[in-house]
Amino acid sequence: MDIVSKVFSVEKRGYNVAEVDNYLKAIAAEIEKQQQLMEKLSAQNEELLARNEEYKSNETAIKDVLMAAHKTAGNMIADAKEEVALLEAQAKLEYSRLYSEVEALKEGFAAYQQRLLGYVENQKEWICGFSDTAPSKVMSEDENESANEAI
């Protein structure tokens, strides 16, 4: 619709032609301005819609990554708990083995100690038996050498 070039028939008691023309030019200019604004806003809307789609796509990707991370974290926690339980069981077994080994060593040491005390007691008795038969006087060095030569 061409508002500016529209021609009206002139009649006797009609409107002022120049005034109508000026008004129509102003309306045409405003319509043109509104159309340009509408085109600009339409282009911006298209751009925003495209960006919105991109954001939606990113949101979906982020959700997928978060879900995978959550699942992985859950698996890692479960694996860690299993490993802790296994390590605890191994530690308890090792503790039991070492405790038994220490107890066996204690028993062996106690038996050795008793044997050693018995041996020392026997040696003491044996040595004391010599003192009953030992000479009453201590030999001098010269006498000791003479006795050794005689043997």
C-alpha atoms as a PDB file:
ATOM      1  CA  MET A   1       0.000   0.000   0.000  1.00  0.00           C
ATOM      2  CA  ASP A   2       1.512   3.268  -1.135  1.00  0.00           C
ATOM      3  CA  ILE A   3       0.340   5.986   1.186  1.00  0.00           C
ATOM      4  CA  VAL A   4       2.529   8.761  -0.150  1.00  0.00           C
ATOM      5  CA  SER A   5       1.442   8.550  -3.832  1.00  0.00           C
ATOM      6  CA  LYS A   6      -2.236   8.048  -3.121  1.00  0.00           C
ATOM      7  CA  VAL A   7      -4.266  10.743  -4.882  1.00  0.00           C
ATOM      8  CA  PHE A   8      -7.672  11.817  -3.663  1.00  0.00           C
ATOM      9  CA  SER A   9     -10.288  13.583  -5.698  1.00  0.00           C
ATOM     10  CA  VAL A  10     -10.812  17.164  -4.732  1.00  0.00           C
ATOM     11  CA  GLU A  11     -14.265  18.420  -3.999  1.00  0.00           C
ATOM     12  CA  LYS A  12     -15.616  21.731  -3.000  1.00  0.00           C
ATOM     13  CA  ARG A  13     -16.020  21.518   0.614  1.00  0.00           C
ATOM     14  CA  GLY A  14     -13.218  18.913   1.176  1.00  0.00           C
ATOM     15  CA  TYR A  15     -10.043  18.839   3.191  1.00  0.00           C
ATOM     16  CA  ASN A  16      -7.020  20.983   2.587  1.00  0.00           C
ATOM     17  CA  VAL A  17      -4.980  18.941   0.113  1.00  0.00           C
ATOM     18  CA  ALA A  18      -1.562  20.082   1.409  1.00  0.00           C
ATOM     19  CA  GLU A  19      -2.585  19.300   4.977  1.00  0.00           C
ATOM     20  CA  VAL A  20      -3.799  15.834   4.009  1.00  0.00           C
ATOM     21  CA  ASP A  21      -0.627  15.212   1.970  1.00  0.00           C
ATOM     22  CA  ASN A  22       1.584  16.244   4.899  1.00  0.00           C
ATOM     23  CA  TYR A  23      -0.401  14.080   7.271  1.00  0.00           C
ATOM     24  CA  LEU A  24      -0.206  11.098   4.918  1.00  0.00           C
ATOM     25  CA  LYS A  25       3.569  11.592   4.550  1.00  0.00           C
ATOM     26  CA  ALA A  26       3.911  11.643   8.346  1.00  0.00           C
ATOM     27  CA  ILE A  27       1.823   8.456   8.623  1.00  0.00           C
ATOM     28  CA  ALA A  28       3.865   6.808   5.866  1.00  0.00           C
ATOM     29  CA  ALA A  29       7.116   7.782   7.591  1.00  0.00           C
ATOM     30  CA  GLU A  30       5.857   6.375  10.912  1.00  0.00           C
ATOM     31  CA  ILE A  31       4.711   3.160   9.246  1.00  0.00           C
ATOM     32  CA  GLU A  32       8.127   2.833   7.531  1.00  0.00           C
ATOM     33  CA  LYS A  33       9.855   3.440  10.844  1.00  0.00           C
ATOM     34  CA  GLN A  34       7.652   0.828  12.568  1.00  0.00           C
ATOM     35  CA  GLN A  35       8.312  -1.700   9.768  1.00  0.00           C
ATOM     36  CA  GLN A  36      12.064  -1.165  10.103  1.00  0.00           C
ATOM     37  CA  LEU A  37      11.795  -1.571  13.869  1.00  0.00           C
ATOM     38  CA  MET A  38       9.704  -4.697  13.386  1.00  0.00           C
ATOM     39  CA  GLU A  39      12.304  -6.140  10.960  1.00  0.00           C
ATOM     40  CA  LYS A  40      15.091  -5.295  13.401  1.00  0.00           C
ATOM     41  CA  LEU A  41      13.186  -6.867  16.314  1.00  0.00           C
ATOM     42  CA  SER A  42      12.313  -9.872  14.183  1.00  0.00           C
ATOM     43  CA  ALA A  43      16.017 -10.366  13.344  1.00  0.00           C
ATOM     44  CA  GLN A  44      16.910 -10.005  17.033  1.00  0.00           C
ATOM     45  CA  ASN A  45      14.179 -12.474  17.915  1.00  0.00           C
ATOM     46  CA  GLU A  46      15.577 -14.978  15.395  1.00  0.00           C
ATOM     47  CA  GLU A  47      19.060 -14.513  16.857  1.00  0.00           C
ATOM     48  CA  LEU A  48      17.741 -14.942  20.397  1.00  0.00           C
ATOM     49  CA  LEU A  49      15.803 -18.048  19.398  1.00  0.00           C
ATOM     50  CA  ALA A  50      18.954 -19.518  17.868  1.00  0.00           C
ATOM     51  CA  ARG A  51      20.955 -18.690  21.015  1.00  0.00           C
ATOM     52  CA  ASN A  52      18.197 -20.171  23.142  1.00  0.00           C
ATOM     53  CA  GLU A  53      18.423 -23.417  21.161  1.00  0.00           C
ATOM     54  CA  GLU A  54      22.187 -23.402  21.641  1.00  0.00           C
ATOM     55  CA  TYR A  55      21.707 -22.890  25.395  1.00  0.00           C
ATOM     56  CA  LYS A  56      19.198 -25.714  25.499  1.00  0.00           C
ATOM     57  CA  SER A  57      21.675 -27.941  23.706  1.00  0.00           C
ATOM     58  CA  ASN A  58      24.428 -26.916  26.145  1.00  0.00           C
ATOM     59  CA  GLU A  59      22.088 -27.494  29.065  1.00  0.00           C
ATOM     60  CA  THR A  60      21.382 -31.015  27.846  1.00  0.00           C
ATOM     61  CA  ALA A  61      25.095 -31.698  27.417  1.00  0.00           C
ATOM     62  CA  ILE A  62      25.829 -30.321  30.894  1.00  0.00           C
ATOM     63  CA  LYS A  63      23.060 -32.452  32.406  1.00  0.00           C
ATOM     64  CA  ASP A  64      24.499 -35.522  30.672  1.00  0.00           C
ATOM     65  CA  VAL A  65      27.985 -34.743  31.976  1.00  0.00           C
ATOM     66  CA  LEU A  66      26.672 -34.155  35.500  1.00  0.00           C
ATOM     67  CA  MET A  67      24.737 -37.409  35.430  1.00  0.00           C
ATOM     68  CA  ALA A  68      27.820 -39.285  34.230  1.00  0.00           C
ATOM     69  CA  ALA A  69      29.949 -37.589  36.899  1.00  0.00           C
ATOM     70  CA  HIS A  70      27.385 -38.471  39.565  1.00  0.00           C
ATOM     71  CA  LYS A  71      27.331 -42.084  38.415  1.00  0.00           C
ATOM     72  CA  THR A  72      31.134 -42.220  38.280  1.00  0.00           C
ATOM     73  CA  ALA A  73      31.395 -40.705  41.758  1.00  0.00           C
ATOM     74  CA  GLY A  74      28.948 -43.285  43.074  1.00  0.00           C
ATOM     75  CA  ASN A  75      30.969 -46.081  41.491  1.00  0.00           C
ATOM     76  CA  MET A  76      34.201 -44.666  42.898  1.00  0.00           C
ATOM     77  CA  ILE A  77      32.696 -44.462  46.390  1.00  0.00           C
ATOM     78  CA  ALA A  78      31.428 -48.030  46.153  1.00  0.00           C
ATOM     79  CA  ASP A  79      34.838 -49.225  44.908  1.00  0.00           C
ATOM     80  CA  ALA A  80      36.595 -47.340  47.708  1.00  0.00           C
ATOM     81  CA  LYS A  81      34.299 -48.901  50.318  1.00  0.00           C
ATOM     82  CA  GLU A  82      35.013 -52.362  48.912  1.00  0.00           C
ATOM     83  CA  GLU A  83      38.739 -51.666  48.954  1.00  0.00           C
ATOM     84  CA  VAL A  84      38.544 -50.412  52.550  1.00  0.00           C
ATOM     85  CA  ALA A  85      36.696 -53.565  53.593  1.00  0.00           C
ATOM     86  CA  LEU A  86      39.278 -55.729  51.818  1.00  0.00           C
ATOM     87  CA  LEU A  87      42.182 -53.832  53.394  1.00  0.00           C
ATOM     88  CA  GLU A  88      40.573 -54.099  56.826  1.00  0.00           C
ATOM     89  CA  ALA A  89      40.155 -57.856  56.393  1.00  0.00           C
ATOM     90  CA  GLN A  90      43.768 -58.202  55.223  1.00  0.00           C
ATOM     91  CA  ALA A  91      44.983 -56.080  58.147  1.00  0.00           C
ATOM     92  CA  LYS A  92      43.034 -58.230  60.623  1.00  0.00           C
ATOM     93  CA  LEU A  93      44.505 -61.406  59.121  1.00  0.00           C
ATOM     94  CA  GLU A  94      48.015 -59.934  59.223  1.00  0.00           C
ATOM     95  CA  TYR A  95      47.455 -58.807  62.815  1.00  0.00           C
ATOM     96  CA  SER A  96      46.303 -62.309  63.791  1.00  0.00           C
ATOM     97  CA  ARG A  97      49.296 -63.874  62.064  1.00  0.00           C
ATOM     98  CA  LEU A  98      51.754 -61.486  63.709  1.00  0.00           C
ATOM     99  CA  TYR A  99      50.070 -61.863  67.108  1.00  0.00           C
ATOM    100  CA  SER A 100      50.327 -65.653  66.856  1.00  0.00           C
ATOM    101  CA  GLU A 101      53.951 -65.332  65.799  1.00  0.00           C
ATOM    102  CA  VAL A 102      54.732 -63.057  68.754  1.00  0.00           C
ATOM    103  CA  GLU A 103      52.979 -65.432  71.158  1.00  0.00           C
ATOM    104  CA  ALA A 104      54.969 -68.361  69.742  1.00  0.00           C
ATOM    105  CA  LEU A 105      58.188 -66.369  70.139  1.00  0.00           C
ATOM    106  CA  LYS A 106      57.238 -65.529  73.734  1.00  0.00           C
ATOM    107  CA  GLU A 107      56.618 -69.204  74.460  1.00  0.00           C
ATOM    108  CA  GLY A 108      59.891 -70.159  72.781  1.00  0.00           C
ATOM    109  CA  PHE A 109      61.733 -67.468  74.715  1.00  0.00           C
ATOM    110  CA  ALA A 110      60.196 -68.617  77.994  1.00  0.00           C
ATOM    111  CA  ALA A 111      61.215 -72.234  77.251  1.00  0.00           C
ATOM    112  CA  TYR A 112      64.728 -71.103  76.266  1.00  0.00           C
ATOM    113  CA  GLN A 113      64.939 -68.983  79.401  1.00  0.00           C
ATOM    114  CA  GLN A 114      63.968 -72.003  81.552  1.00  0.00           C
ATOM    115  CA  ARG A 115      66.540 -74.210  79.810  1.00  0.00           C
ATOM    116  CA  LEU A 116      69.193 -71.515  80.219  1.00  0.00           C
ATOM    117  CA  LEU A 117      68.346 -71.082  83.900  1.00  0.00           C
ATOM    118  CA  GLY A 118      68.539 -74.870  84.317  1.00  0.00           C
ATOM    119  CA  TYR A 119      71.895 -74.909  82.522  1.00  0.00           C
ATOM    120  CA  VAL A 120      73.206 -72.054  84.662  1.00  0.00           C
ATOM    121  CA  GLU A 121      71.983 -73.861  87.783  1.00  0.00           C
ATOM    122  CA  ASN A 122      73.752 -77.055  86.680  1.00  0.00           C
ATOM    123  CA  GLN A 123      76.935 -75.119  85.955  1.00  0.00           C
ATOM    124  CA  LYS A 124      76.687 -73.425  89.332  1.00  0.00           C
ATOM    125  CA  GLU A 125      76.293 -76.784  91.041  1.00  0.00           C
ATOM    126  CA  TRP A 126      79.154 -78.185  89.023  1.00  0.00           C
ATOM    127  CA  ILE A 127      81.375 -75.224  89.912  1.00  0.00           C
ATOM    128  CA  CYS A 128      80.344 -75.429  93.544  1.00  0.00           C
ATOM    129  CA  GLY A 129      81.252 -79.123  93.478  1.00  0.00           C
ATOM    130  CA  PHE A 130      84.793 -78.131  92.547  1.00  0.00           C
ATOM    131  CA  SER A 131      85.088 -75.760  95.438  1.00  0.00           C
ATOM    132  CA  ASP A 132      84.545 -78.679  97.859  1.00  0.00           C
ATOM    133  CA  THR A 133      87.505 -80.511  96.304  1.00  0.00           C
ATOM    134  CA  ALA A 134      89.599 -77.412  95.544  1.00  0.00           C
ATOM    135  CA  PRO A 135      92.930 -76.922  97.329  1.00  0.00           C
ATOM    136  CA  SER A 136      92.767 -74.654 100.308  1.00  0.00           C
ATOM    137  CA  LYS A 137      95.655 -72.473  99.320  1.00  0.00           C
ATOM    138  CA  VAL A 138      96.067 -70.404  96.226  1.00  0.00           C
ATOM    139  CA  MET A 139      99.109 -71.303  94.149  1.00  0.00           C
ATOM    140  CA  SER A 140     101.714 -68.792  93.246  1.00  0.00           C
ATOM    141  CA  GLU A 141     102.535 -68.154  89.652  1.00  0.00           C
ATOM    142  CA  ASP A 142     105.638 -70.284  89.775  1.00  0.00           C
ATOM    143  CA  GLU A 143     103.722 -73.141  91.355  1.00  0.00           C
ATOM    144  CA  ASN A 144     101.005 -72.811  88.755  1.00  0.00           C
ATOM    145  CA  GLU A 145     103.583 -73.037  85.939  1.00  0.00           C
ATOM    146  CA  SER A 146     105.212 -76.052  87.516  1.00  0.00           C
ATOM    147  CA  ALA A 147     101.874 -77.772  87.856  1.00  0.00           C
ATOM    148  CA  ASN A 148     101.037 -77.051  84.230  1.00  0.00           C
ATOM    149  CA  GLU A 149     104.412 -78.449  83.075  1.00  0.00           C
ATOM    150  CA  ALA A 150     103.831 -81.592  85.019  1.00  0.00           C
ATOM    151  CA  ILE A 151     100.561 -82.178  83.343  1.00  0.00           C
END
